Protein backbone atom coordinates (compact mmCIF):
# COMPACT_ATOMS: atom_id res chain seq x y z
CA UNK A 1 96.04 105.30 5.39
CA UNK A 2 98.91 107.41 6.22
CA UNK A 3 96.59 110.21 7.67
CA UNK A 4 94.56 107.64 9.66
CA UNK A 5 97.81 106.30 11.30
CA UNK A 6 99.00 109.81 12.04
CA UNK A 7 95.70 110.70 13.60
CA UNK A 8 95.78 107.75 15.90
CA UNK A 9 99.25 108.65 16.98
CA UNK A 10 98.11 112.17 17.54
CA UNK A 11 95.09 110.85 19.79
CA UNK A 12 97.25 108.65 21.63
CA UNK A 13 99.79 111.36 22.28
CA UNK A 14 97.01 113.68 23.33
CA UNK A 15 95.75 111.11 25.86
CA UNK A 16 99.07 110.39 27.55
CA UNK A 17 99.89 114.10 27.84
CA UNK A 18 96.69 114.93 29.25
CA UNK A 19 97.29 112.43 32.18
CA UNK A 20 98.50 113.72 35.46
CA UNK A 21 101.83 112.30 36.14
CA UNK A 22 102.05 113.63 39.56
CA UNK A 23 98.99 112.11 41.04
CA UNK A 24 99.79 109.52 43.81
CA UNK A 25 99.65 105.76 43.19
CA UNK A 26 96.52 104.02 44.32
CA UNK A 27 96.79 102.80 48.06
CA UNK A 28 97.31 99.17 48.44
CA UNK A 29 94.49 97.24 49.60
CA UNK A 30 94.09 96.54 53.43
CA UNK A 31 95.39 93.21 54.39
CA UNK A 32 92.60 90.71 55.82
CA UNK A 33 94.54 90.27 59.07
CA UNK A 34 95.50 93.77 59.97
CA UNK A 35 97.56 94.07 63.10
CA UNK A 36 95.63 94.67 66.29
CA UNK A 37 96.18 98.14 67.68
CA UNK A 38 98.07 98.60 71.02
CA UNK A 39 95.60 98.92 73.77
CA UNK A 40 94.96 102.22 75.84
CA UNK A 41 93.60 102.47 79.25
CA UNK A 42 92.37 105.17 81.30
CA UNK A 43 93.84 104.88 84.84
CA UNK A 44 91.72 104.52 87.98
CA UNK A 45 92.14 106.91 90.88
CA UNK A 46 93.98 104.19 92.90
CA UNK A 47 96.37 103.36 89.65
CA UNK A 48 97.11 107.20 89.24
CA UNK A 49 97.95 107.62 92.90
CA UNK A 50 100.55 104.67 92.68
CA UNK A 51 102.43 106.28 89.94
CA UNK A 52 105.76 107.37 91.10
CA UNK A 53 108.79 106.16 93.14
CA UNK A 54 107.84 104.67 96.36
CA UNK A 55 110.74 104.27 98.79
CA UNK A 56 110.68 101.27 101.29
CA UNK A 57 110.33 102.42 105.00
CA UNK A 58 109.75 99.04 106.86
CA UNK A 59 108.15 95.61 107.00
CA UNK A 60 106.08 94.43 109.82
CA UNK A 61 105.84 90.49 110.05
CA UNK A 62 103.12 88.91 111.72
CA UNK A 63 102.08 85.35 112.89
CA UNK A 64 98.76 84.37 114.28
CA UNK A 65 97.99 87.84 115.50
CA UNK A 66 101.58 88.49 117.01
CA UNK A 67 104.43 90.71 115.53
CA UNK A 68 107.20 88.80 115.09
CA UNK A 69 109.84 91.16 113.47
CA UNK A 70 110.19 94.60 112.09
CA UNK A 71 112.74 95.26 109.30
CA UNK A 72 113.62 98.85 108.23
CA UNK A 73 116.41 100.08 105.94
CA UNK A 74 118.87 100.05 108.95
CA UNK A 75 117.82 97.64 111.43
CA UNK A 76 116.00 94.34 112.10
CA UNK A 77 113.89 93.83 115.47
CA UNK A 78 113.20 90.23 116.15
CA UNK A 79 112.07 88.62 119.65
CA UNK A 80 113.00 92.13 121.35
CA UNK A 81 116.56 92.15 119.92
CA UNK A 82 117.61 94.89 117.30
CA UNK A 83 120.64 94.46 115.01
CA UNK A 84 122.11 96.31 112.14
CA UNK A 85 120.44 95.33 109.01
CA UNK A 86 121.02 97.33 105.89
CA UNK A 87 120.05 94.84 103.08
CA UNK A 88 116.98 96.97 102.15
CA UNK A 89 118.72 100.42 102.23
CA UNK A 90 117.94 102.30 99.05
CA UNK A 91 115.26 99.89 98.31
CA UNK A 92 112.40 101.41 95.96
CA UNK A 93 110.01 100.72 93.31
CA UNK A 94 109.21 103.22 90.33
CA UNK A 95 105.57 102.45 89.25
CA UNK A 96 105.01 103.83 85.84
CA UNK A 97 101.62 104.85 83.79
CA UNK A 98 102.89 103.26 80.53
CA UNK A 99 101.20 99.81 79.66
CA UNK A 100 103.38 96.98 79.98
CA UNK A 101 103.78 95.44 76.57
CA UNK A 102 103.55 91.72 77.37
CA UNK A 103 100.44 91.98 79.29
CA UNK A 104 97.17 90.24 78.00
CA UNK A 105 93.55 90.35 79.17
CA UNK A 106 91.32 93.06 80.42
CA UNK A 107 93.21 94.04 83.51
CA UNK A 108 95.86 96.72 82.37
CA UNK A 109 99.39 95.86 83.49
CA UNK A 110 101.95 98.89 83.79
CA UNK A 111 105.58 99.27 83.61
CA UNK A 112 107.65 99.35 86.80
CA UNK A 113 111.42 99.24 87.89
CA UNK A 114 112.28 97.60 91.18
CA UNK A 115 115.69 98.61 93.02
CA UNK A 116 116.80 96.20 95.73
CA UNK A 117 117.88 92.64 95.82
CA UNK A 118 117.53 92.03 92.89
CA UNK A 119 116.81 94.91 90.55
CA UNK A 120 114.81 94.42 87.58
CA UNK A 121 111.99 95.96 85.39
CA UNK A 122 108.51 94.22 85.24
CA UNK A 123 105.02 95.36 85.84
CA UNK A 124 102.33 96.17 88.25
CA UNK A 125 98.55 96.15 88.51
CA UNK A 126 95.58 96.58 90.63
CA UNK A 127 92.80 93.95 91.17
CA UNK A 128 89.62 95.48 92.88
CA UNK A 129 87.90 93.25 95.33
CA UNK A 130 85.28 93.46 98.13
CA UNK A 131 88.17 93.78 100.81
CA UNK A 132 89.72 96.70 99.05
CA UNK A 133 92.15 97.33 96.11
CA UNK A 134 94.83 94.51 95.75
CA UNK A 135 98.25 95.78 94.58
CA UNK A 136 99.93 93.04 92.49
CA UNK A 137 103.63 94.18 92.10
CA UNK A 138 107.02 93.22 93.13
CA UNK A 139 107.57 89.41 94.01
CA UNK A 140 110.54 89.83 96.13
CA UNK A 141 111.28 91.35 99.67
CA UNK A 142 110.91 93.72 101.23
CA UNK A 143 107.81 94.59 99.00
CA UNK A 144 106.39 91.26 98.92
CA UNK A 145 103.52 91.05 101.27
CA UNK A 146 103.73 87.17 101.21
CA UNK A 147 100.75 86.29 99.13
CA UNK A 148 99.61 87.03 95.64
CA UNK A 149 97.21 89.57 96.26
CA UNK A 150 98.03 92.13 99.08
CA UNK A 151 95.51 94.61 100.09
CA UNK A 152 96.16 98.33 100.09
CA UNK A 153 95.37 99.93 103.58
CA UNK A 154 96.75 103.40 102.96
CA UNK A 155 97.31 105.21 99.84
CA UNK A 156 97.56 109.01 99.37
CA UNK A 157 100.15 111.24 97.67
CA UNK A 158 103.02 110.39 100.09
CA UNK A 159 102.10 107.22 101.81
CA UNK A 160 101.36 103.53 100.58
CA UNK A 161 100.56 100.75 103.13
CA UNK A 162 99.52 97.33 102.04
CA UNK A 163 99.12 93.81 103.82
CA UNK A 164 98.68 90.41 103.10
CA UNK A 165 95.67 89.69 105.25
CA UNK A 166 92.12 90.85 104.84
CA UNK A 167 91.03 93.51 107.55
CA UNK A 168 88.97 91.97 110.14
CA UNK A 169 90.84 88.55 110.01
CA UNK A 170 93.67 87.04 112.09
CA UNK A 171 96.71 89.14 111.55
CA UNK A 172 99.33 86.71 109.66
CA UNK A 173 101.81 87.84 107.03
CA UNK A 174 103.55 91.10 106.09
CA UNK A 175 102.40 94.88 106.33
CA UNK A 176 104.67 96.96 104.00
CA UNK A 177 105.32 100.72 104.62
CA UNK A 178 106.44 103.04 101.78
CA UNK A 179 106.67 106.79 101.05
CA UNK A 180 107.11 109.00 98.06
């Protein structure tokens, strides 16, 4: 009996010593509700051209086809009278390529910093339409076109012009001019 117990203990010791103590622990099972990964997006040509620091130049304000006023970073012209107006001096928007974290849906929203009255961080995005790409960005003057979906008229490496009316229709609203 003594030999049987010693043999059993020897077998147990042999089994324990042959186990690899350095092997990693098994990975935990994947939970049933795994977190949704952060979406990624490839930018369109229009979106890529918009990335950068856009400096406000002027806003033209129209009503029923008539130019009502022009505001720059230093002047305001209204009804033929020009006065000093510096409220928009230094106003610019930095449009970024990183995805905005609070956006949901299929349209990619991108981060942006707006400097002016007021200064804040938010988002921007593009809505394609039959009339042209619509730039959805800052909701404050001077960058606001006066409607929710202003249309980009000119966009290249150094110039951005967008307006609140559809080309070919009666000119009413704002036309905004910016440069890089």
